Amino acid sequence: MNCPVCQTRTLATHSLDQDLASWRCDSCQGQWINSFQFSKWIEQHRFGHRVEGPVQTFELASNETKSAKVCPECSRIMTKFKVGNSLPFSLDRCGNCGGIWFDKNEWEMLQGSNLRDEIHLIFSAAWQHRVRHEEQVRHLEELFKERVGEADFAEIKRIREWLKKHPHRQELYGYLNNPEF
């Protein structure tokens, strides 16, 4: 199998996690997990590992390209799935054989963010819908911040949080929405 990033490098067997075999590129440090291995591993290890304390960050490889990667197992084009949860990368998955490609340090970032046991959910329509919704909200907030300025944006966010916790929030919202006051 050839690396989907380097394309000419042969992948070598490696152990990505306890009981999880992968094929790794020695050049770009990317990892390939075939569908059967991953399914078997997720059934054995689901809900077994939580990282406590601050999330450890890793430097991500710059292999996140716009162009599609080719599956090292069946040579089909893989699909990118955004991870979300404030993680700035996508996972590549083959729609034909189900294998997953992890660029350098993506596995470690998922593990550090307690998403390791939920990787299979990232490929679901519900997860991708939530990621798109989060991106839309962030984009709208950025547009609003540009329009009103950073200081006013910070102030309105503070007021909104105060209103959410206030015992008379319904009355306060009513007052703010009534043009006669």
N, C-alpha and C. Protein backbone atom coordinates (compact mmCIF):
# COMPACT_ATOMS: atom_id res chain seq x y z
N MET A 1 0.85 -1.19 0.00
CA MET A 1 0.00 0.00 0.00
C MET A 1 0.89 1.24 0.00
N ASN A 2 0.51 2.21 -0.82
CA ASN A 2 1.24 3.47 -0.88
C ASN A 2 0.54 4.54 -0.06
N CYS A 3 1.33 5.46 0.47
CA CYS A 3 0.82 6.57 1.27
C CYS A 3 -0.05 7.47 0.40
N PRO A 4 -1.25 7.84 0.87
CA PRO A 4 -2.12 8.73 0.08
C PRO A 4 -1.62 10.17 0.03
N VAL A 5 -0.67 10.53 0.89
CA VAL A 5 -0.11 11.88 0.88
C VAL A 5 1.14 11.91 0.01
N CYS A 6 2.11 11.06 0.34
CA CYS A 6 3.38 11.01 -0.40
C CYS A 6 3.23 10.29 -1.74
N GLN A 7 2.29 9.41 -1.85
CA GLN A 7 1.91 8.64 -3.03
C GLN A 7 2.93 7.61 -3.50
N THR A 8 4.20 7.81 -3.20
CA THR A 8 5.20 6.84 -3.64
C THR A 8 5.75 6.03 -2.49
N ARG A 9 5.53 6.46 -1.28
CA ARG A 9 6.06 5.76 -0.11
C ARG A 9 5.16 4.59 0.26
N THR A 10 5.78 3.48 0.59
CA THR A 10 5.05 2.30 1.03
C THR A 10 4.77 2.41 2.51
N LEU A 11 3.56 2.06 2.91
CA LEU A 11 3.18 2.10 4.32
C LEU A 11 3.70 0.86 5.03
N ALA A 12 4.18 1.05 6.25
CA ALA A 12 4.72 -0.05 7.06
C ALA A 12 3.80 -0.29 8.25
N THR A 13 3.69 -1.54 8.68
CA THR A 13 2.82 -1.86 9.82
C THR A 13 3.33 -1.16 11.07
N HIS A 14 2.37 -0.78 11.90
CA HIS A 14 2.65 0.01 13.09
C HIS A 14 1.53 -0.24 14.09
N SER A 15 1.77 0.05 15.34
CA SER A 15 0.72 -0.06 16.36
C SER A 15 0.33 1.35 16.77
N LEU A 16 -0.86 1.78 16.39
CA LEU A 16 -1.31 3.13 16.69
C LEU A 16 -1.78 3.27 18.13
N ASP A 17 -2.41 2.24 18.63
CA ASP A 17 -2.94 2.24 19.99
C ASP A 17 -2.98 0.79 20.46
N GLN A 18 -3.32 0.60 21.71
CA GLN A 18 -3.41 -0.76 22.24
C GLN A 18 -4.37 -1.58 21.39
N ASP A 19 -3.90 -2.67 20.84
CA ASP A 19 -4.69 -3.60 20.02
C ASP A 19 -5.19 -2.99 18.71
N LEU A 20 -4.58 -1.89 18.26
CA LEU A 20 -5.01 -1.27 17.01
C LEU A 20 -3.82 -1.17 16.05
N ALA A 21 -3.83 -2.05 15.07
CA ALA A 21 -2.78 -2.04 14.05
C ALA A 21 -3.08 -0.96 13.02
N SER A 22 -2.03 -0.33 12.55
CA SER A 22 -2.18 0.66 11.49
C SER A 22 -1.02 0.47 10.51
N TRP A 23 -1.07 1.21 9.43
CA TRP A 23 0.00 1.25 8.46
C TRP A 23 0.46 2.69 8.41
N ARG A 24 1.74 2.91 8.63
CA ARG A 24 2.26 4.26 8.80
C ARG A 24 3.26 4.60 7.71
N CYS A 25 3.24 5.87 7.31
CA CYS A 25 4.22 6.39 6.36
C CYS A 25 5.38 6.98 7.17
N ASP A 26 6.58 6.48 6.93
CA ASP A 26 7.74 6.98 7.66
C ASP A 26 8.11 8.40 7.24
N SER A 27 7.66 8.83 6.08
CA SER A 27 7.99 10.16 5.60
C SER A 27 7.09 11.24 6.21
N CYS A 28 5.78 11.12 6.04
CA CYS A 28 4.85 12.16 6.52
C CYS A 28 4.24 11.83 7.88
N GLN A 29 4.47 10.64 8.40
CA GLN A 29 3.97 10.18 9.70
C GLN A 29 2.45 9.98 9.73
N GLY A 30 1.81 9.94 8.56
CA GLY A 30 0.38 9.65 8.50
C GLY A 30 0.12 8.18 8.82
N GLN A 31 -1.14 7.87 9.19
CA GLN A 31 -1.49 6.50 9.58
C GLN A 31 -2.77 6.07 8.87
N TRP A 32 -2.78 4.84 8.41
CA TRP A 32 -3.95 4.24 7.77
C TRP A 32 -4.49 3.13 8.66
N ILE A 33 -5.80 3.14 8.89
CA ILE A 33 -6.45 2.06 9.63
C ILE A 33 -7.53 1.49 8.73
N ASN A 34 -7.49 0.17 8.52
CA ASN A 34 -8.54 -0.40 7.70
C ASN A 34 -9.82 -0.58 8.52
N SER A 35 -10.91 -0.67 7.84
CA SER A 35 -12.23 -0.68 8.46
C SER A 35 -12.41 -1.84 9.44
N PHE A 36 -11.98 -3.02 9.06
CA PHE A 36 -12.16 -4.19 9.93
C PHE A 36 -11.39 -4.02 11.23
N GLN A 37 -10.12 -3.60 11.13
CA GLN A 37 -9.30 -3.39 12.33
C GLN A 37 -9.94 -2.36 13.25
N PHE A 38 -10.41 -1.25 12.66
CA PHE A 38 -10.98 -0.18 13.46
C PHE A 38 -12.29 -0.63 14.12
N SER A 39 -13.14 -1.31 13.39
CA SER A 39 -14.42 -1.79 13.95
C SER A 39 -14.17 -2.74 15.11
N LYS A 40 -13.22 -3.64 14.94
CA LYS A 40 -12.88 -4.59 16.00
C LYS A 40 -12.35 -3.85 17.23
N TRP A 41 -11.48 -2.87 17.00
CA TRP A 41 -10.89 -2.11 18.09
C TRP A 41 -11.95 -1.28 18.83
N ILE A 42 -12.82 -0.61 18.09
CA ILE A 42 -13.82 0.27 18.72
C ILE A 42 -14.77 -0.54 19.59
N GLU A 43 -15.10 -1.75 19.18
CA GLU A 43 -15.97 -2.61 19.99
C GLU A 43 -15.29 -3.02 21.29
N GLN A 44 -13.99 -3.23 21.25
CA GLN A 44 -13.25 -3.67 22.44
C GLN A 44 -12.92 -2.52 23.39
N HIS A 45 -12.73 -1.31 22.85
CA HIS A 45 -12.20 -0.22 23.66
C HIS A 45 -13.12 0.97 23.83
N ARG A 46 -14.30 0.92 23.30
CA ARG A 46 -15.19 2.06 23.41
C ARG A 46 -15.44 2.40 24.87
N PHE A 47 -15.46 3.68 25.17
CA PHE A 47 -15.74 4.23 26.50
C PHE A 47 -14.70 3.83 27.54
N GLY A 48 -13.53 3.42 27.11
CA GLY A 48 -12.55 2.97 28.07
C GLY A 48 -11.45 3.97 28.39
N HIS A 49 -11.38 5.10 27.71
CA HIS A 49 -10.26 6.00 27.90
C HIS A 49 -10.72 7.45 27.88
N ARG A 50 -10.52 8.14 28.97
CA ARG A 50 -10.85 9.57 29.05
C ARG A 50 -9.59 10.30 29.50
N VAL A 51 -9.30 11.41 28.87
CA VAL A 51 -8.16 12.22 29.26
C VAL A 51 -8.65 13.26 30.25
N GLU A 52 -8.01 13.31 31.40
CA GLU A 52 -8.37 14.29 32.42
C GLU A 52 -7.40 15.46 32.35
N GLY A 53 -7.88 16.63 32.75
CA GLY A 53 -7.02 17.81 32.79
C GLY A 53 -7.00 18.54 31.46
N PRO A 54 -6.03 19.47 31.31
CA PRO A 54 -5.98 20.27 30.09
C PRO A 54 -5.65 19.41 28.87
N VAL A 55 -6.20 19.82 27.75
CA VAL A 55 -5.98 19.09 26.50
C VAL A 55 -4.57 19.38 26.00
N GLN A 56 -3.84 18.33 25.69
CA GLN A 56 -2.50 18.49 25.14
C GLN A 56 -2.63 18.79 23.66
N THR A 57 -1.90 19.79 23.20
CA THR A 57 -1.97 20.14 21.79
C THR A 57 -0.75 19.60 21.06
N PHE A 58 -0.93 19.32 19.79
CA PHE A 58 0.13 18.80 18.94
C PHE A 58 0.19 19.66 17.70
N GLU A 59 1.35 19.74 17.12
CA GLU A 59 1.48 20.45 15.86
C GLU A 59 0.96 19.54 14.75
N LEU A 60 0.02 20.06 13.99
CA LEU A 60 -0.55 19.28 12.90
C LEU A 60 0.31 19.41 11.66
N ALA A 61 0.35 18.36 10.89
CA ALA A 61 1.06 18.39 9.62
C ALA A 61 0.28 19.27 8.65
N SER A 62 0.96 19.80 7.69
CA SER A 62 0.29 20.66 6.71
C SER A 62 -0.20 19.86 5.52
N ASN A 63 -0.67 18.64 5.77
CA ASN A 63 -1.15 17.77 4.69
C ASN A 63 -2.63 17.98 4.40
N GLU A 64 -3.25 18.94 5.08
CA GLU A 64 -4.67 19.21 4.91
C GLU A 64 -4.85 20.00 3.61
N THR A 65 -5.00 19.29 2.53
CA THR A 65 -5.10 19.93 1.22
C THR A 65 -6.55 19.92 0.74
N LYS A 66 -6.80 20.74 -0.25
CA LYS A 66 -8.13 20.77 -0.85
C LYS A 66 -8.34 19.56 -1.76
N SER A 67 -7.24 19.02 -2.28
CA SER A 67 -7.37 17.88 -3.19
C SER A 67 -7.67 16.60 -2.42
N ALA A 68 -8.39 15.72 -3.07
CA ALA A 68 -8.78 14.46 -2.43
C ALA A 68 -7.60 13.50 -2.40
N LYS A 69 -7.62 12.65 -1.40
CA LYS A 69 -6.60 11.61 -1.28
C LYS A 69 -7.17 10.31 -1.85
N VAL A 70 -6.27 9.46 -2.32
CA VAL A 70 -6.66 8.17 -2.88
C VAL A 70 -6.44 7.10 -1.83
N CYS A 71 -7.44 6.25 -1.65
CA CYS A 71 -7.38 5.18 -0.66
C CYS A 71 -6.20 4.25 -0.95
N PRO A 72 -5.34 4.00 0.05
CA PRO A 72 -4.21 3.10 -0.19
C PRO A 72 -4.63 1.64 -0.32
N GLU A 73 -5.84 1.32 0.11
CA GLU A 73 -6.29 -0.07 0.09
C GLU A 73 -7.01 -0.44 -1.20
N CYS A 74 -7.94 0.43 -1.65
CA CYS A 74 -8.74 0.06 -2.83
C CYS A 74 -8.63 1.07 -3.98
N SER A 75 -7.82 2.11 -3.80
CA SER A 75 -7.54 3.12 -4.84
C SER A 75 -8.73 4.00 -5.21
N ARG A 76 -9.74 4.06 -4.37
CA ARG A 76 -10.87 4.97 -4.61
C ARG A 76 -10.56 6.32 -3.96
N ILE A 77 -11.26 7.35 -4.39
CA ILE A 77 -11.08 8.67 -3.80
C ILE A 77 -11.76 8.70 -2.43
N MET A 78 -11.05 9.24 -1.44
CA MET A 78 -11.59 9.32 -0.09
C MET A 78 -12.35 10.64 0.10
N THR A 79 -13.25 10.64 1.05
CA THR A 79 -14.06 11.81 1.38
C THR A 79 -13.53 12.44 2.66
N LYS A 80 -13.51 13.77 2.69
CA LYS A 80 -13.07 14.50 3.89
C LYS A 80 -14.28 14.74 4.80
N PHE A 81 -14.08 14.53 6.09
CA PHE A 81 -15.10 14.77 7.11
C PHE A 81 -14.51 15.70 8.15
N LYS A 82 -15.11 16.89 8.29
CA LYS A 82 -14.62 17.84 9.29
C LYS A 82 -14.87 17.28 10.68
N VAL A 83 -13.89 17.45 11.56
CA VAL A 83 -13.99 16.93 12.92
C VAL A 83 -14.82 17.85 13.80
N GLY A 84 -14.65 19.15 13.68
CA GLY A 84 -15.38 20.08 14.54
C GLY A 84 -14.82 20.09 15.94
N ASN A 85 -15.64 20.46 16.92
CA ASN A 85 -15.21 20.53 18.32
C ASN A 85 -13.94 21.36 18.48
N SER A 86 -13.83 22.44 17.72
CA SER A 86 -12.68 23.35 17.75
C SER A 86 -11.39 22.71 17.24
N LEU A 87 -11.47 21.56 16.62
CA LEU A 87 -10.29 20.94 16.03
C LEU A 87 -10.23 21.33 14.55
N PRO A 88 -9.09 21.85 14.11
CA PRO A 88 -9.01 22.47 12.78
C PRO A 88 -8.65 21.52 11.63
N PHE A 89 -9.13 20.30 11.66
CA PHE A 89 -8.76 19.39 10.59
C PHE A 89 -9.92 18.48 10.21
N SER A 90 -9.73 17.79 9.10
CA SER A 90 -10.70 16.83 8.60
C SER A 90 -10.05 15.46 8.57
N LEU A 91 -10.88 14.42 8.70
CA LEU A 91 -10.40 13.05 8.53
C LEU A 91 -10.79 12.59 7.14
N ASP A 92 -9.95 11.78 6.55
CA ASP A 92 -10.21 11.22 5.22
C ASP A 92 -10.67 9.78 5.39
N ARG A 93 -11.81 9.47 4.78
CA ARG A 93 -12.36 8.11 4.91
C ARG A 93 -12.76 7.61 3.53
N CYS A 94 -12.49 6.36 3.28
CA CYS A 94 -12.87 5.74 2.01
C CYS A 94 -14.32 5.28 2.09
N GLY A 95 -15.13 5.73 1.17
CA GLY A 95 -16.53 5.33 1.14
C GLY A 95 -16.73 3.92 0.61
N ASN A 96 -15.70 3.36 0.01
CA ASN A 96 -15.80 2.01 -0.53
C ASN A 96 -15.41 0.95 0.50
N CYS A 97 -14.19 1.06 1.04
CA CYS A 97 -13.71 0.03 1.98
C CYS A 97 -13.82 0.46 3.44
N GLY A 98 -14.08 1.75 3.69
CA GLY A 98 -14.29 2.23 5.06
C GLY A 98 -13.04 2.54 5.84
N GLY A 99 -11.87 2.45 5.22
CA GLY A 99 -10.62 2.76 5.92
C GLY A 99 -10.51 4.25 6.22
N ILE A 100 -9.67 4.58 7.20
CA ILE A 100 -9.52 5.97 7.65
C ILE A 100 -8.05 6.36 7.59
N TRP A 101 -7.78 7.57 7.06
CA TRP A 101 -6.44 8.11 7.03
C TRP A 101 -6.33 9.23 8.07
N PHE A 102 -5.29 9.16 8.90
CA PHE A 102 -4.99 10.19 9.89
C PHE A 102 -3.67 10.84 9.51
N ASP A 103 -3.68 12.14 9.24
CA ASP A 103 -2.43 12.86 9.03
C ASP A 103 -1.69 12.91 10.35
N LYS A 104 -0.43 13.32 10.30
CA LYS A 104 0.43 13.36 11.49
C LYS A 104 -0.27 14.09 12.64
N ASN A 105 -0.29 13.45 13.80
CA ASN A 105 -0.81 13.97 15.07
C ASN A 105 -2.33 14.11 15.14
N GLU A 106 -3.06 13.77 14.11
CA GLU A 106 -4.52 13.86 14.20
C GLU A 106 -5.07 12.87 15.21
N TRP A 107 -4.55 11.66 15.24
CA TRP A 107 -4.99 10.66 16.22
C TRP A 107 -4.76 11.19 17.64
N GLU A 108 -3.57 11.75 17.87
CA GLU A 108 -3.23 12.27 19.19
C GLU A 108 -4.14 13.44 19.59
N MET A 109 -4.47 14.29 18.63
CA MET A 109 -5.39 15.41 18.90
C MET A 109 -6.77 14.89 19.27
N LEU A 110 -7.25 13.88 18.57
CA LEU A 110 -8.55 13.29 18.88
C LEU A 110 -8.52 12.64 20.26
N GLN A 111 -7.46 11.97 20.56
CA GLN A 111 -7.31 11.32 21.86
C GLN A 111 -7.27 12.37 22.97
N GLY A 112 -6.50 13.44 22.77
CA GLY A 112 -6.40 14.50 23.76
C GLY A 112 -7.68 15.28 23.96
N SER A 113 -8.56 15.25 22.97
CA SER A 113 -9.85 15.94 23.05
C SER A 113 -10.99 15.00 23.43
N ASN A 114 -10.64 13.80 23.88
CA ASN A 114 -11.63 12.78 24.26
C ASN A 114 -12.58 12.41 23.13
N LEU A 115 -12.09 12.44 21.92
CA LEU A 115 -12.90 12.04 20.76
C LEU A 115 -12.45 10.71 20.17
N ARG A 116 -11.44 10.12 20.73
CA ARG A 116 -10.91 8.87 20.19
C ARG A 116 -11.99 7.80 20.08
N ASP A 117 -12.83 7.68 21.10
CA ASP A 117 -13.87 6.65 21.11
C ASP A 117 -15.09 7.04 20.28
N GLU A 118 -15.08 8.24 19.71
CA GLU A 118 -16.22 8.72 18.93
C GLU A 118 -15.86 8.95 17.47
N ILE A 119 -14.70 8.49 17.06
CA ILE A 119 -14.25 8.73 15.68
C ILE A 119 -15.28 8.23 14.68
N HIS A 120 -15.86 7.08 14.93
CA HIS A 120 -16.85 6.52 13.99
C HIS A 120 -18.06 7.44 13.84
N LEU A 121 -18.37 8.24 14.86
CA LEU A 121 -19.51 9.16 14.79
C LEU A 121 -19.23 10.37 13.91
N ILE A 122 -17.96 10.74 13.77
CA ILE A 122 -17.58 11.89 12.95
C ILE A 122 -18.07 11.72 11.52
N PHE A 123 -18.19 10.49 11.06
CA PHE A 123 -18.59 10.22 9.68
C PHE A 123 -20.11 10.19 9.51
N SER A 124 -20.86 10.42 10.57
CA SER A 124 -22.32 10.37 10.49
C SER A 124 -22.89 11.70 9.99
N ALA A 125 -24.07 11.63 9.41
CA ALA A 125 -24.75 12.84 8.92
C ALA A 125 -25.06 13.79 10.07
N ALA A 126 -25.45 13.26 11.21
CA ALA A 126 -25.79 14.10 12.37
C ALA A 126 -24.56 14.89 12.84
N TRP A 127 -23.42 14.24 12.91
CA TRP A 127 -22.20 14.92 13.35
C TRP A 127 -21.82 16.02 12.36
N GLN A 128 -21.84 15.69 11.08
CA GLN A 128 -21.48 16.66 10.06
C GLN A 128 -22.46 17.84 10.03
N HIS A 129 -23.73 17.58 10.28
CA HIS A 129 -24.72 18.65 10.36
C HIS A 129 -24.38 19.59 11.51
N ARG A 130 -24.02 19.03 12.66
CA ARG A 130 -23.66 19.84 13.83
C ARG A 130 -22.41 20.68 13.54
N VAL A 131 -21.42 20.09 12.87
CA VAL A 131 -20.19 20.81 12.53
C VAL A 131 -20.52 21.99 11.62
N ARG A 132 -21.36 21.77 10.61
CA ARG A 132 -21.75 22.86 9.70
C ARG A 132 -22.50 23.95 10.45
N HIS A 133 -23.38 23.56 11.37
CA HIS A 133 -24.12 24.54 12.17
C HIS A 133 -23.15 25.38 13.02
N GLU A 134 -22.18 24.74 13.66
CA GLU A 134 -21.19 25.46 14.47
C GLU A 134 -20.41 26.45 13.60
N GLU A 135 -20.05 26.04 12.39
CA GLU A 135 -19.33 26.93 11.48
C GLU A 135 -20.19 28.13 11.09
N GLN A 136 -21.47 27.90 10.84
CA GLN A 136 -22.37 28.99 10.49
C GLN A 136 -22.50 29.98 11.64
N VAL A 137 -22.64 29.48 12.86
CA VAL A 137 -22.76 30.35 14.03
C VAL A 137 -21.49 31.18 14.18
N ARG A 138 -20.32 30.54 14.05
CA ARG A 138 -19.04 31.27 14.15
C ARG A 138 -18.94 32.35 13.08
N HIS A 139 -19.36 32.00 11.86
CA HIS A 139 -19.30 32.96 10.76
C HIS A 139 -20.22 34.15 11.03
N LEU A 140 -21.44 33.89 11.48
CA LEU A 140 -22.37 34.98 11.78
C LEU A 140 -21.85 35.86 12.92
N GLU A 141 -21.25 35.24 13.93
CA GLU A 141 -20.67 36.03 15.02
C GLU A 141 -19.54 36.92 14.50
N GLU A 142 -18.71 36.40 13.60
CA GLU A 142 -17.62 37.20 13.03
C GLU A 142 -18.18 38.38 12.24
N LEU A 143 -19.23 38.14 11.45
CA LEU A 143 -19.84 39.23 10.70
C LEU A 143 -20.41 40.30 11.63
N PHE A 144 -21.08 39.85 12.69
CA PHE A 144 -21.67 40.79 13.66
C PHE A 144 -20.57 41.57 14.36
N LYS A 145 -19.48 40.89 14.72
CA LYS A 145 -18.36 41.56 15.39
C LYS A 145 -17.74 42.62 14.49
N GLU A 146 -17.61 42.32 13.19
CA GLU A 146 -17.08 43.30 12.23
C GLU A 146 -18.01 44.51 12.14
N ARG A 147 -19.29 44.25 12.20
CA ARG A 147 -20.28 45.32 12.03
C ARG A 147 -20.34 46.26 13.23
N VAL A 148 -20.33 45.71 14.45
CA VAL A 148 -20.50 46.55 15.65
C VAL A 148 -19.19 46.86 16.36
N GLY A 149 -18.13 46.18 16.02
CA GLY A 149 -16.85 46.39 16.68
C GLY A 149 -16.63 45.38 17.80
N GLU A 150 -15.37 45.16 18.08
CA GLU A 150 -14.99 44.13 19.06
C GLU A 150 -15.49 44.46 20.47
N ALA A 151 -15.37 45.72 20.89
CA ALA A 151 -15.77 46.09 22.26
C ALA A 151 -17.28 45.93 22.45
N ASP A 152 -18.07 46.42 21.49
CA ASP A 152 -19.53 46.29 21.61
C ASP A 152 -19.96 44.83 21.52
N PHE A 153 -19.27 44.06 20.69
CA PHE A 153 -19.60 42.64 20.59
C PHE A 153 -19.35 41.93 21.93
N ALA A 154 -18.22 42.23 22.56
CA ALA A 154 -17.92 41.62 23.87
C ALA A 154 -18.96 42.04 24.90
N GLU A 155 -19.38 43.29 24.84
CA GLU A 155 -20.38 43.79 25.81
C GLU A 155 -21.74 43.12 25.61
N ILE A 156 -22.18 42.97 24.37
CA ILE A 156 -23.49 42.35 24.14
C ILE A 156 -23.46 40.87 24.51
N LYS A 157 -22.32 40.21 24.32
CA LYS A 157 -22.21 38.82 24.75
C LYS A 157 -22.28 38.73 26.28
N ARG A 158 -21.65 39.68 26.96
CA ARG A 158 -21.71 39.70 28.43
C ARG A 158 -23.14 39.90 28.89
N ILE A 159 -23.84 40.84 28.26
CA ILE A 159 -25.24 41.12 28.63
C ILE A 159 -26.11 39.90 28.35
N ARG A 160 -25.90 39.25 27.22
CA ARG A 160 -26.70 38.06 26.90
C ARG A 160 -26.51 36.97 27.95
N GLU A 161 -25.27 36.73 28.36
CA GLU A 161 -25.01 35.72 29.39
C GLU A 161 -25.67 36.11 30.71
N TRP A 162 -25.64 37.40 31.04
CA TRP A 162 -26.28 37.89 32.26
C TRP A 162 -27.79 37.66 32.18
N LEU A 163 -28.38 37.96 31.02
CA LEU A 163 -29.82 37.75 30.84
C LEU A 163 -30.21 36.28 30.94
N LYS A 164 -29.41 35.40 30.38
CA LYS A 164 -29.71 33.96 30.42
C LYS A 164 -29.83 33.45 31.85
N LYS A 165 -29.05 34.02 32.76
CA LYS A 165 -29.02 33.55 34.14
C LYS A 165 -29.98 34.31 35.06
N HIS A 166 -30.52 35.40 34.58
CA HIS A 166 -31.35 36.26 35.42
C HIS A 166 -32.71 35.61 35.69
N PRO A 167 -33.20 35.66 36.94
CA PRO A 167 -34.49 35.04 37.27
C PRO A 167 -35.68 35.71 36.58
N HIS A 168 -35.54 36.96 36.17
CA HIS A 168 -36.63 37.69 35.50
C HIS A 168 -36.31 37.93 34.02
N ARG A 169 -35.61 36.97 33.42
CA ARG A 169 -35.16 37.16 32.03
C ARG A 169 -36.32 37.37 31.06
N GLN A 170 -37.44 36.68 31.24
CA GLN A 170 -38.57 36.84 30.32
C GLN A 170 -39.09 38.27 30.35
N GLU A 171 -39.21 38.83 31.54
CA GLU A 171 -39.68 40.22 31.66
C GLU A 171 -38.67 41.19 31.03
N LEU A 172 -37.39 40.93 31.25
CA LEU A 172 -36.35 41.80 30.68
C LEU A 172 -36.34 41.72 29.16
N TYR A 173 -36.49 40.51 28.61
CA TYR A 173 -36.59 40.37 27.15
C TYR A 173 -37.82 41.12 26.63
N GLY A 174 -38.91 40.99 27.33
CA GLY A 174 -40.13 41.68 26.94
C GLY A 174 -39.94 43.19 26.91
N TYR A 175 -39.26 43.71 27.92
CA TYR A 175 -38.99 45.15 27.98
C TYR A 175 -38.12 45.58 26.81
N LEU A 176 -37.06 44.82 26.54
CA LEU A 176 -36.15 45.18 25.45
C LEU A 176 -36.83 45.11 24.08
N ASN A 177 -37.76 44.17 23.92
CA ASN A 177 -38.43 44.00 22.63
C ASN A 177 -39.63 44.91 22.42
N ASN A 178 -40.03 45.64 23.44
CA ASN A 178 -41.18 46.53 23.32
C ASN A 178 -40.71 47.91 22.89
N PRO A 179 -41.07 48.36 21.68
CA PRO A 179 -40.60 49.65 21.18
C PRO A 179 -41.22 50.84 21.92
N GLU A 180 -42.25 50.62 22.70
CA GLU A 180 -42.90 51.73 23.40
C GLU A 180 -42.17 52.14 24.67
N PHE A 181 -41.27 51.33 25.16
CA PHE A 181 -40.52 51.69 26.38
C PHE A 181 -39.28 52.46 26.03
